[in-house]
Amino acid sequence: MMYWYGDGHPGAWGYTAMIIGMLLFWAVIVGVGILIARALAGPRTAHNPGAGAGPTALPAPRRNPEQILAERFAAGEIDEHEYATRLAVLRDRHPSS
């Protein structure tokens, strides 16, 4: 039997080719696994911490300052006097349209 024209051993180049081939094989397996995992994870949204600023990320809706103030009052973060004072300031600077 003529096993690489030698004494039955592949030699240095043969071992090098086997190592490189095995590394490429596992790199492809891992890469395909990552692609499958990302595809199964679903689209990127604003609720996903891993979401980038890619084309699928939606901008946060802009809220009215009076709505934010009303939410803080409803949550008990500010009292009635502070709510009325800040609301008056907002209405003086930002006339309602």
Foldseek 3Di string as FASTA:
>chain_A
DQCVVDDNDVPDVVVVVVVVVVVVVVVVVVVVVVVVVVVVVDDAEPVDPPHDPDPVYDDDDDDDPLVVLVVCPVVVVDDPVVSVVVVVVCCVVPPDD
